Amino acid sequence: MSTASHCTWTASVTTGGSFLTIVSGSSGTGGGTVEVRVDRNKGSARSGTLTIAGKVVTINQAAEG
């Protein structure tokens, strides 16, 4: 993510937390990288959201086919 060098930010899983995990980069100041692990889907389609620096990111995962 990119932001001004003095701005602090956080990243969190806000919905669908059972299959999304923030591996690294849960907070920082200035620019940074957030690494997210998405577990394998063995069932039906699902979605979850992350909030990173106040912006919502939606992850949609298709059913295993």
N, C-alpha and C. Protein backbone atom coordinates (compact mmCIF):
# COMPACT_ATOMS: atom_id res chain seq x y z
N MET A 1 0.82 -1.15 0.00
CA MET A 1 0.00 0.00 0.00
C MET A 1 0.87 1.22 0.00
N SER A 2 0.34 2.32 -0.46
CA SER A 2 1.12 3.54 -0.56
C SER A 2 0.38 4.66 0.15
N THR A 3 1.10 5.38 0.99
CA THR A 3 0.53 6.51 1.70
C THR A 3 1.65 7.49 2.04
N ALA A 4 1.31 8.65 2.52
CA ALA A 4 2.33 9.63 2.89
C ALA A 4 3.24 9.06 3.98
N SER A 5 4.49 9.48 4.00
CA SER A 5 5.49 8.91 4.90
C SER A 5 5.16 9.07 6.38
N HIS A 6 4.33 10.02 6.74
CA HIS A 6 3.99 10.26 8.14
C HIS A 6 2.67 9.61 8.57
N CYS A 7 1.95 9.01 7.65
CA CYS A 7 0.63 8.43 7.96
C CYS A 7 0.76 7.01 8.51
N THR A 8 0.08 6.77 9.61
CA THR A 8 0.03 5.41 10.16
C THR A 8 -1.20 4.70 9.60
N TRP A 9 -1.14 3.39 9.54
CA TRP A 9 -2.25 2.60 9.00
C TRP A 9 -2.27 1.23 9.68
N THR A 10 -3.43 0.57 9.58
CA THR A 10 -3.58 -0.80 10.07
C THR A 10 -4.29 -1.62 9.01
N ALA A 11 -4.15 -2.93 9.13
CA ALA A 11 -4.85 -3.86 8.24
C ALA A 11 -5.50 -4.93 9.10
N SER A 12 -6.74 -5.29 8.79
CA SER A 12 -7.42 -6.32 9.55
C SER A 12 -8.43 -7.04 8.68
N VAL A 13 -8.73 -8.28 9.05
CA VAL A 13 -9.80 -9.04 8.41
C VAL A 13 -11.09 -8.58 9.08
N THR A 14 -12.04 -8.10 8.27
CA THR A 14 -13.27 -7.57 8.86
C THR A 14 -14.46 -8.49 8.70
N THR A 15 -14.50 -9.32 7.67
CA THR A 15 -15.54 -10.35 7.54
C THR A 15 -14.91 -11.57 6.88
N GLY A 16 -15.52 -12.72 7.05
CA GLY A 16 -15.02 -13.94 6.42
C GLY A 16 -13.72 -14.42 7.02
N GLY A 17 -13.50 -14.08 8.27
CA GLY A 17 -12.23 -14.34 8.92
C GLY A 17 -11.80 -15.79 9.00
N SER A 18 -12.69 -16.72 8.74
CA SER A 18 -12.31 -18.13 8.89
C SER A 18 -11.33 -18.59 7.81
N PHE A 19 -11.23 -17.93 6.69
CA PHE A 19 -10.34 -18.39 5.63
C PHE A 19 -9.28 -17.37 5.22
N LEU A 20 -9.30 -16.20 5.84
CA LEU A 20 -8.33 -15.15 5.55
C LEU A 20 -7.47 -14.88 6.77
N THR A 21 -6.16 -14.77 6.56
CA THR A 21 -5.23 -14.48 7.66
C THR A 21 -4.21 -13.45 7.19
N ILE A 22 -4.01 -12.41 7.96
CA ILE A 22 -2.93 -11.48 7.67
C ILE A 22 -1.65 -12.09 8.22
N VAL A 23 -0.73 -12.40 7.33
CA VAL A 23 0.52 -13.07 7.68
C VAL A 23 1.55 -12.05 8.14
N SER A 24 1.62 -10.91 7.46
CA SER A 24 2.56 -9.85 7.84
C SER A 24 2.02 -8.51 7.37
N GLY A 25 2.50 -7.46 8.01
CA GLY A 25 2.12 -6.11 7.60
C GLY A 25 0.78 -5.67 8.14
N SER A 26 0.49 -5.99 9.41
CA SER A 26 -0.81 -5.60 9.96
C SER A 26 -0.87 -4.13 10.37
N SER A 27 0.27 -3.45 10.37
CA SER A 27 0.28 -2.01 10.64
C SER A 27 1.60 -1.42 10.18
N GLY A 28 1.61 -0.10 10.05
CA GLY A 28 2.84 0.54 9.63
C GLY A 28 2.69 2.04 9.55
N THR A 29 3.76 2.68 9.13
CA THR A 29 3.79 4.12 8.88
C THR A 29 4.39 4.32 7.50
N GLY A 30 3.72 5.11 6.69
CA GLY A 30 4.16 5.30 5.31
C GLY A 30 3.76 4.10 4.47
N GLY A 31 4.45 3.90 3.35
CA GLY A 31 4.13 2.78 2.47
C GLY A 31 4.46 1.45 3.11
N GLY A 32 3.83 0.39 2.63
CA GLY A 32 4.10 -0.93 3.18
C GLY A 32 3.44 -2.02 2.37
N THR A 33 3.66 -3.24 2.81
CA THR A 33 3.09 -4.42 2.16
C THR A 33 2.29 -5.21 3.17
N VAL A 34 1.11 -5.65 2.76
CA VAL A 34 0.28 -6.52 3.59
C VAL A 34 0.23 -7.88 2.89
N GLU A 35 0.65 -8.93 3.59
CA GLU A 35 0.60 -10.28 3.04
C GLU A 35 -0.57 -11.01 3.67
N VAL A 36 -1.44 -11.55 2.80
CA VAL A 36 -2.65 -12.23 3.25
C VAL A 36 -2.63 -13.68 2.77
N ARG A 37 -2.92 -14.61 3.68
CA ARG A 37 -3.06 -16.01 3.29
C ARG A 37 -4.54 -16.30 3.11
N VAL A 38 -4.86 -16.93 1.99
CA VAL A 38 -6.22 -17.36 1.69
C VAL A 38 -6.23 -18.88 1.70
N ASP A 39 -6.95 -19.47 2.65
CA ASP A 39 -7.00 -20.92 2.76
C ASP A 39 -7.71 -21.55 1.56
N ARG A 40 -7.32 -22.76 1.25
CA ARG A 40 -7.96 -23.53 0.19
C ARG A 40 -9.45 -23.68 0.49
N ASN A 41 -10.23 -23.55 -0.55
CA ASN A 41 -11.68 -23.67 -0.40
C ASN A 41 -12.12 -25.08 -0.77
N LYS A 42 -12.65 -25.82 0.19
CA LYS A 42 -13.13 -27.18 -0.05
C LYS A 42 -14.65 -27.24 -0.12
N GLY A 43 -15.30 -26.08 -0.16
CA GLY A 43 -16.76 -26.04 -0.16
C GLY A 43 -17.30 -25.09 -1.21
N SER A 44 -18.37 -24.41 -0.84
CA SER A 44 -19.04 -23.51 -1.76
C SER A 44 -18.31 -22.17 -1.84
N ALA A 45 -18.69 -21.37 -2.81
CA ALA A 45 -18.08 -20.05 -3.00
C ALA A 45 -18.23 -19.22 -1.72
N ARG A 46 -17.26 -18.36 -1.47
CA ARG A 46 -17.30 -17.53 -0.27
C ARG A 46 -16.57 -16.22 -0.52
N SER A 47 -16.81 -15.28 0.36
CA SER A 47 -16.13 -14.00 0.25
C SER A 47 -15.81 -13.47 1.63
N GLY A 48 -14.86 -12.58 1.68
CA GLY A 48 -14.47 -11.94 2.92
C GLY A 48 -13.91 -10.57 2.60
N THR A 49 -13.75 -9.77 3.62
CA THR A 49 -13.21 -8.44 3.40
C THR A 49 -12.06 -8.14 4.36
N LEU A 50 -11.16 -7.33 3.86
CA LEU A 50 -10.06 -6.78 4.65
C LEU A 50 -10.25 -5.27 4.67
N THR A 51 -9.83 -4.64 5.73
CA THR A 51 -9.78 -3.19 5.76
C THR A 51 -8.32 -2.81 5.93
N ILE A 52 -7.81 -2.09 4.96
CA ILE A 52 -6.40 -1.68 4.95
C ILE A 52 -6.36 -0.17 4.79
N ALA A 53 -5.84 0.49 5.80
CA ALA A 53 -5.74 1.96 5.79
C ALA A 53 -7.10 2.60 5.50
N GLY A 54 -8.16 2.02 6.06
CA GLY A 54 -9.49 2.57 5.88
C GLY A 54 -10.18 2.19 4.58
N LYS A 55 -9.51 1.48 3.71
CA LYS A 55 -10.09 1.05 2.44
C LYS A 55 -10.50 -0.41 2.55
N VAL A 56 -11.67 -0.74 2.04
CA VAL A 56 -12.18 -2.11 2.09
C VAL A 56 -11.76 -2.86 0.83
N VAL A 57 -11.18 -4.04 1.03
CA VAL A 57 -10.76 -4.92 -0.07
C VAL A 57 -11.57 -6.20 0.05
N THR A 58 -12.27 -6.57 -1.01
CA THR A 58 -13.09 -7.77 -1.00
C THR A 58 -12.34 -8.91 -1.69
N ILE A 59 -12.34 -10.08 -1.06
CA ILE A 59 -11.76 -11.29 -1.61
C ILE A 59 -12.90 -12.25 -1.91
N ASN A 60 -13.08 -12.62 -3.19
CA ASN A 60 -14.07 -13.60 -3.60
C ASN A 60 -13.35 -14.87 -3.99
N GLN A 61 -13.80 -15.98 -3.46
CA GLN A 61 -13.18 -17.26 -3.77
C GLN A 61 -14.25 -18.22 -4.30
N ALA A 62 -13.99 -18.74 -5.51
CA ALA A 62 -14.93 -19.68 -6.14
C ALA A 62 -14.94 -21.01 -5.40
N ALA A 63 -15.99 -21.76 -5.62
CA ALA A 63 -16.08 -23.12 -5.07
C ALA A 63 -15.02 -24.00 -5.71
N GLU A 64 -14.54 -24.96 -4.94
CA GLU A 64 -13.57 -25.89 -5.51
C GLU A 64 -14.26 -26.70 -6.59
N GLY A 65 -13.63 -26.82 -7.73
CA GLY A 65 -14.31 -27.38 -8.84
C GLY A 65 -13.88 -28.66 -9.34
